[in-house]
N, C-alpha and C. Protein backbone atom coordinates (compact mmCIF):
# COMPACT_ATOMS: atom_id res chain seq x y z
N UNK A 1 88.21 80.65 85.78
CA UNK A 1 89.40 80.04 86.31
C UNK A 1 90.30 81.13 86.85
N UNK A 2 90.20 81.37 88.11
CA UNK A 2 90.92 82.47 88.74
C UNK A 2 92.22 81.96 89.37
N UNK A 3 93.30 82.73 89.29
CA UNK A 3 94.57 82.28 89.86
C UNK A 3 94.54 82.10 91.38
N UNK A 4 93.51 82.56 92.04
CA UNK A 4 93.41 82.36 93.48
C UNK A 4 93.12 80.90 93.83
N UNK A 5 92.61 80.15 92.88
CA UNK A 5 92.33 78.73 93.10
C UNK A 5 93.62 77.95 92.85
N UNK A 6 94.28 77.52 93.91
CA UNK A 6 95.58 76.85 93.79
C UNK A 6 95.52 75.59 92.93
N UNK A 7 94.42 74.84 93.01
CA UNK A 7 94.31 73.63 92.20
C UNK A 7 94.28 73.98 90.72
N UNK A 8 93.45 74.95 90.35
CA UNK A 8 93.37 75.39 88.96
C UNK A 8 94.74 75.87 88.50
N UNK A 9 95.36 76.71 89.33
CA UNK A 9 96.64 77.31 88.95
C UNK A 9 97.72 76.25 88.77
N UNK A 10 97.87 75.34 89.72
CA UNK A 10 98.93 74.33 89.62
C UNK A 10 98.67 73.38 88.45
N UNK A 11 97.40 73.05 88.20
CA UNK A 11 97.07 72.19 87.07
C UNK A 11 97.44 72.85 85.75
N UNK A 12 97.11 74.13 85.62
CA UNK A 12 97.45 74.84 84.38
C UNK A 12 98.96 74.93 84.19
N UNK A 13 99.69 75.21 85.24
CA UNK A 13 101.15 75.28 85.11
C UNK A 13 101.73 73.92 84.73
N UNK A 14 101.17 72.84 85.25
CA UNK A 14 101.63 71.51 84.87
C UNK A 14 101.34 71.23 83.41
N UNK A 15 100.16 71.61 82.95
CA UNK A 15 99.78 71.37 81.55
C UNK A 15 100.63 72.18 80.59
N UNK A 16 100.98 73.38 80.99
CA UNK A 16 101.74 74.27 80.11
C UNK A 16 103.13 74.50 80.68
N UNK A 17 103.82 73.43 80.99
CA UNK A 17 105.13 73.50 81.63
C UNK A 17 106.23 74.07 80.76
N UNK A 18 105.99 74.23 79.48
CA UNK A 18 107.02 74.73 78.57
C UNK A 18 107.05 76.24 78.46
N UNK A 19 106.31 76.94 79.29
CA UNK A 19 106.24 78.39 79.22
C UNK A 19 107.54 79.00 79.73
N UNK A 20 108.11 79.92 78.92
CA UNK A 20 109.39 80.51 79.28
C UNK A 20 109.29 81.46 80.47
N UNK A 21 108.20 82.17 80.59
CA UNK A 21 108.08 83.19 81.62
C UNK A 21 107.60 82.61 82.94
N UNK A 22 107.91 83.30 84.00
CA UNK A 22 107.41 82.89 85.31
C UNK A 22 106.03 83.50 85.49
N UNK A 23 105.01 82.81 85.02
CA UNK A 23 103.66 83.34 85.07
C UNK A 23 103.08 83.32 86.48
N UNK A 24 103.63 82.50 87.34
CA UNK A 24 103.17 82.53 88.74
C UNK A 24 103.53 83.88 89.36
N UNK A 25 104.74 84.37 89.09
CA UNK A 25 105.15 85.67 89.60
C UNK A 25 104.29 86.77 88.99
N UNK A 26 104.03 86.68 87.70
CA UNK A 26 103.18 87.67 87.05
C UNK A 26 101.79 87.68 87.66
N UNK A 27 101.27 86.50 87.90
CA UNK A 27 99.94 86.40 88.48
C UNK A 27 99.90 87.04 89.85
N UNK A 28 100.86 86.74 90.69
CA UNK A 28 100.86 87.26 92.07
C UNK A 28 101.14 88.76 92.10
N UNK A 29 101.93 89.26 91.18
CA UNK A 29 102.25 90.68 91.15
C UNK A 29 101.11 91.50 90.54
N UNK A 30 100.54 90.98 89.47
CA UNK A 30 99.62 91.79 88.67
C UNK A 30 98.15 91.43 88.83
N UNK A 31 97.82 90.16 89.03
CA UNK A 31 96.42 89.74 88.97
C UNK A 31 95.80 89.50 90.34
N UNK A 32 96.44 88.69 91.18
CA UNK A 32 95.79 88.31 92.44
C UNK A 32 96.81 87.98 93.53
N UNK A 33 96.56 88.49 94.71
CA UNK A 33 97.24 88.03 95.93
C UNK A 33 96.18 87.91 97.02
N UNK A 34 96.42 87.02 97.95
CA UNK A 34 95.43 86.82 99.01
C UNK A 34 95.25 88.06 99.88
N UNK A 35 96.25 88.94 99.93
CA UNK A 35 96.12 90.16 100.72
C UNK A 35 95.57 91.34 99.92
N UNK A 36 95.20 91.11 98.65
CA UNK A 36 94.58 92.15 97.84
C UNK A 36 95.51 93.22 97.32
N UNK A 37 96.80 92.91 97.19
CA UNK A 37 97.77 93.92 96.80
C UNK A 37 98.31 93.77 95.39
N UNK A 38 97.68 93.00 94.55
CA UNK A 38 98.09 92.91 93.14
C UNK A 38 97.56 94.13 92.39
N UNK A 39 98.21 94.47 91.30
CA UNK A 39 97.84 95.67 90.54
C UNK A 39 96.37 95.66 90.12
N UNK A 40 95.88 94.54 89.62
CA UNK A 40 94.47 94.48 89.19
C UNK A 40 93.52 94.69 90.37
N UNK A 41 93.86 94.15 91.50
CA UNK A 41 93.01 94.32 92.68
C UNK A 41 92.96 95.78 93.12
N UNK A 42 94.09 96.46 93.07
CA UNK A 42 94.09 97.90 93.38
C UNK A 42 93.23 98.66 92.38
N UNK A 43 93.38 98.33 91.10
CA UNK A 43 92.59 99.02 90.07
C UNK A 43 91.11 98.73 90.22
N UNK A 44 90.76 97.52 90.63
CA UNK A 44 89.34 97.18 90.85
C UNK A 44 88.69 98.11 91.87
N UNK A 45 89.49 98.61 92.80
CA UNK A 45 88.95 99.53 93.81
C UNK A 45 88.43 100.83 93.20
N UNK A 46 88.82 101.13 91.96
CA UNK A 46 88.27 102.29 91.25
C UNK A 46 86.90 101.99 90.64
N UNK A 47 86.55 100.72 90.52
CA UNK A 47 85.35 100.32 89.78
C UNK A 47 84.28 99.68 90.65
N UNK A 48 84.66 98.77 91.53
CA UNK A 48 83.64 98.03 92.27
C UNK A 48 82.79 98.90 93.20
N UNK A 49 83.33 99.97 93.80
CA UNK A 49 82.45 100.81 94.62
C UNK A 49 81.32 101.47 93.83
N UNK A 50 81.50 101.58 92.51
CA UNK A 50 80.46 102.18 91.66
C UNK A 50 79.50 101.13 91.12
N UNK A 51 79.63 99.91 91.60
CA UNK A 51 78.72 98.85 91.17
C UNK A 51 79.19 98.07 89.96
N UNK A 52 80.38 98.34 89.47
CA UNK A 52 80.92 97.60 88.33
C UNK A 52 81.56 96.31 88.82
N UNK A 53 81.67 95.34 87.91
CA UNK A 53 82.40 94.12 88.29
C UNK A 53 83.89 94.45 88.42
N UNK A 54 84.71 93.52 88.88
CA UNK A 54 86.15 93.75 88.99
C UNK A 54 86.80 93.79 87.60
N UNK A 55 86.66 94.92 86.95
CA UNK A 55 87.07 95.09 85.55
C UNK A 55 88.55 94.74 85.34
N UNK A 56 89.42 95.25 86.18
CA UNK A 56 90.85 95.01 85.99
C UNK A 56 91.20 93.54 86.18
N UNK A 57 90.58 92.89 87.14
CA UNK A 57 90.83 91.46 87.33
C UNK A 57 90.34 90.67 86.13
N UNK A 58 89.22 91.06 85.54
CA UNK A 58 88.76 90.40 84.32
C UNK A 58 89.81 90.55 83.22
N UNK A 59 90.34 91.77 83.06
CA UNK A 59 91.35 92.01 82.04
C UNK A 59 92.62 91.21 82.32
N UNK A 60 93.12 91.32 83.53
CA UNK A 60 94.37 90.64 83.88
C UNK A 60 94.28 89.13 83.76
N UNK A 61 93.20 88.57 84.23
CA UNK A 61 93.02 87.12 84.16
C UNK A 61 92.93 86.65 82.72
N UNK A 62 92.19 87.38 81.89
CA UNK A 62 92.06 87.02 80.48
C UNK A 62 93.41 87.08 79.77
N UNK A 63 94.16 88.15 80.01
CA UNK A 63 95.48 88.29 79.39
C UNK A 63 96.41 87.18 79.87
N UNK A 64 96.37 86.88 81.15
CA UNK A 64 97.22 85.82 81.70
C UNK A 64 96.93 84.48 81.05
N UNK A 65 95.66 84.08 81.01
CA UNK A 65 95.33 82.76 80.44
C UNK A 65 95.66 82.71 78.96
N UNK A 66 95.37 83.77 78.26
CA UNK A 66 95.67 83.78 76.82
C UNK A 66 97.18 83.72 76.60
N UNK A 67 97.95 84.33 77.49
CA UNK A 67 99.41 84.28 77.38
C UNK A 67 99.94 82.87 77.63
N UNK A 68 99.24 82.12 78.47
CA UNK A 68 99.65 80.75 78.74
C UNK A 68 99.43 79.88 77.51
N UNK A 69 98.30 80.03 76.86
CA UNK A 69 97.95 79.11 75.77
C UNK A 69 98.34 79.60 74.39
N UNK A 70 98.76 80.83 74.25
CA UNK A 70 99.14 81.33 72.93
C UNK A 70 100.64 81.22 72.74
N UNK A 71 101.06 81.54 71.57
CA UNK A 71 102.50 81.48 71.28
C UNK A 71 102.71 81.23 69.81
N UNK A 72 103.79 80.57 69.49
CA UNK A 72 104.10 80.30 68.10
C UNK A 72 104.69 81.52 67.43
N UNK A 73 104.53 81.60 66.12
CA UNK A 73 105.11 82.70 65.34
C UNK A 73 104.53 84.05 65.72
N UNK A 74 103.32 84.05 66.15
CA UNK A 74 102.63 85.31 66.47
C UNK A 74 103.06 85.90 67.80
N UNK A 75 103.49 85.08 68.72
CA UNK A 75 103.91 85.54 70.03
C UNK A 75 102.84 85.31 71.09
N UNK A 76 103.20 85.53 72.33
CA UNK A 76 102.27 85.35 73.45
C UNK A 76 101.37 86.55 73.59
N UNK A 77 100.18 86.31 74.11
CA UNK A 77 99.25 87.40 74.38
C UNK A 77 98.12 87.45 73.38
N UNK A 78 97.47 88.61 73.32
CA UNK A 78 96.35 88.80 72.42
C UNK A 78 96.25 90.28 72.06
N UNK A 79 95.56 90.53 70.95
CA UNK A 79 95.37 91.91 70.52
C UNK A 79 94.27 92.55 71.37
N UNK A 80 94.19 93.87 71.30
CA UNK A 80 93.13 94.55 72.06
C UNK A 80 91.76 94.13 71.56
N UNK A 81 91.62 93.97 70.27
CA UNK A 81 90.32 93.54 69.72
C UNK A 81 89.92 92.18 70.30
N UNK A 82 90.88 91.25 70.33
CA UNK A 82 90.59 89.94 70.91
C UNK A 82 90.24 90.06 72.39
N UNK A 83 90.97 90.93 73.08
CA UNK A 83 90.70 91.13 74.51
C UNK A 83 89.29 91.65 74.73
N UNK A 84 88.90 92.67 73.94
CA UNK A 84 87.55 93.22 74.10
C UNK A 84 86.50 92.15 73.81
N UNK A 85 86.74 91.32 72.78
CA UNK A 85 85.78 90.27 72.45
C UNK A 85 85.62 89.27 73.58
N UNK A 86 86.67 89.07 74.35
CA UNK A 86 86.63 88.09 75.43
C UNK A 86 86.04 88.63 76.73
N UNK A 87 86.21 89.92 77.01
CA UNK A 87 85.81 90.41 78.32
C UNK A 87 84.56 91.29 78.33
N UNK A 88 84.20 91.88 77.22
CA UNK A 88 83.09 92.83 77.24
C UNK A 88 81.79 92.16 77.66
N UNK A 89 81.02 92.90 78.42
CA UNK A 89 79.70 92.46 78.82
C UNK A 89 78.75 93.65 78.71
N UNK A 90 77.48 93.41 78.45
CA UNK A 90 76.55 94.51 78.19
C UNK A 90 76.43 95.54 79.30
N UNK A 91 76.69 95.16 80.53
CA UNK A 91 76.48 96.09 81.64
C UNK A 91 77.66 97.04 81.88
N UNK A 92 78.76 96.86 81.14
CA UNK A 92 79.95 97.69 81.35
C UNK A 92 80.36 98.34 80.03
N UNK A 93 80.57 99.64 80.07
CA UNK A 93 80.97 100.36 78.86
C UNK A 93 82.40 100.01 78.48
N UNK A 94 82.65 99.95 77.17
CA UNK A 94 83.99 99.67 76.66
C UNK A 94 85.01 100.67 77.21
N UNK A 95 84.61 101.92 77.34
CA UNK A 95 85.54 102.94 77.85
C UNK A 95 86.02 102.63 79.26
N UNK A 96 85.21 101.97 80.06
CA UNK A 96 85.66 101.59 81.40
C UNK A 96 86.79 100.56 81.31
N UNK A 97 86.63 99.59 80.42
CA UNK A 97 87.70 98.61 80.22
C UNK A 97 88.94 99.29 79.67
N UNK A 98 88.77 100.19 78.72
CA UNK A 98 89.92 100.93 78.17
C UNK A 98 90.65 101.71 79.26
N UNK A 99 89.90 102.39 80.11
CA UNK A 99 90.52 103.17 81.19
C UNK A 99 91.26 102.27 82.17
N UNK A 100 90.66 101.16 82.53
CA UNK A 100 91.32 100.24 83.46
C UNK A 100 92.60 99.68 82.84
N UNK A 101 92.55 99.30 81.57
CA UNK A 101 93.74 98.77 80.90
C UNK A 101 94.83 99.84 80.83
N UNK A 102 94.44 101.06 80.56
CA UNK A 102 95.41 102.16 80.52
C UNK A 102 96.07 102.33 81.89
N UNK A 103 95.28 102.29 82.95
CA UNK A 103 95.83 102.43 84.30
C UNK A 103 96.77 101.28 84.65
N UNK A 104 96.48 100.09 84.14
CA UNK A 104 97.34 98.94 84.41
C UNK A 104 98.64 98.99 83.61
N UNK A 105 98.58 99.53 82.40
CA UNK A 105 99.73 99.44 81.51
C UNK A 105 100.55 100.72 81.39
N UNK A 106 100.05 101.82 81.91
CA UNK A 106 100.75 103.10 81.75
C UNK A 106 101.85 103.24 82.81
N UNK A 107 103.06 103.37 82.35
CA UNK A 107 104.19 103.52 83.25
C UNK A 107 104.10 104.84 84.00
N UNK A 108 104.26 104.76 85.30
CA UNK A 108 104.28 105.95 86.13
C UNK A 108 102.92 106.51 86.51
N UNK A 109 101.83 105.86 86.08
CA UNK A 109 100.49 106.37 86.40
C UNK A 109 100.21 106.26 87.90
N UNK A 110 100.34 105.07 88.42
CA UNK A 110 100.16 104.83 89.85
C UNK A 110 100.94 103.57 90.20
N UNK A 111 101.85 103.63 91.15
CA UNK A 111 102.65 102.44 91.48
C UNK A 111 101.79 101.23 91.88
N UNK A 112 100.67 101.48 92.52
CA UNK A 112 99.83 100.37 92.97
C UNK A 112 99.13 99.67 91.81
N UNK A 113 98.70 100.44 90.80
CA UNK A 113 97.92 99.84 89.71
C UNK A 113 98.75 99.52 88.47
N UNK A 114 100.02 99.83 88.49
CA UNK A 114 100.86 99.53 87.32
C UNK A 114 101.22 98.04 87.33
N UNK A 115 100.76 97.35 86.31
CA UNK A 115 101.02 95.91 86.18
C UNK A 115 102.43 95.72 85.61
N UNK A 116 103.31 95.17 86.42
CA UNK A 116 104.72 95.05 86.07
C UNK A 116 104.93 94.17 84.84
N UNK A 117 104.17 93.10 84.70
CA UNK A 117 104.38 92.15 83.62
C UNK A 117 103.54 92.43 82.37
N UNK A 118 102.70 93.45 82.41
CA UNK A 118 101.83 93.75 81.28
C UNK A 118 102.53 94.73 80.34
N UNK A 119 102.63 94.36 79.08
CA UNK A 119 103.24 95.24 78.09
C UNK A 119 102.66 94.91 76.72
N UNK A 120 102.82 95.83 75.80
CA UNK A 120 102.34 95.63 74.44
C UNK A 120 103.55 95.50 73.51
N UNK A 121 103.53 94.46 72.69
CA UNK A 121 104.64 94.22 71.76
C UNK A 121 104.49 95.10 70.53
N UNK A 122 105.53 95.10 69.71
CA UNK A 122 105.50 95.89 68.47
C UNK A 122 104.41 95.43 67.52
N UNK A 123 104.03 94.14 67.56
CA UNK A 123 102.98 93.66 66.69
C UNK A 123 101.59 93.73 67.32
N UNK A 124 101.47 94.50 68.41
CA UNK A 124 100.16 94.79 68.99
C UNK A 124 99.59 93.75 69.93
N UNK A 125 100.40 92.84 70.43
CA UNK A 125 99.92 91.84 71.40
C UNK A 125 100.21 92.31 72.81
């Protein structure tokens, strides 16, 4: 379920209308834009030429969807362990996912790949 599919995206926003954050803005800034200028898309350019799948888009999309459906006392998002369990695949080394996540979340690393809405809370989400 990729945010580029307007039907999927609008349906999910309707279903989860009580979300405090503007996840549409987060999606367009960090995960996907039709012109390829979202942070995850820029980071994917470090991986796809080497034959890897779009690692950053996998990470960003997973974090986005989990942020939509999670909440409660624990907060929105997911732990790194949960993230790895959801995105890892045998053909890609864990270190590649770690590097991509670092590039997306590290302030000042690269303006193009820095995901504006991605952050880690004090409780590790």
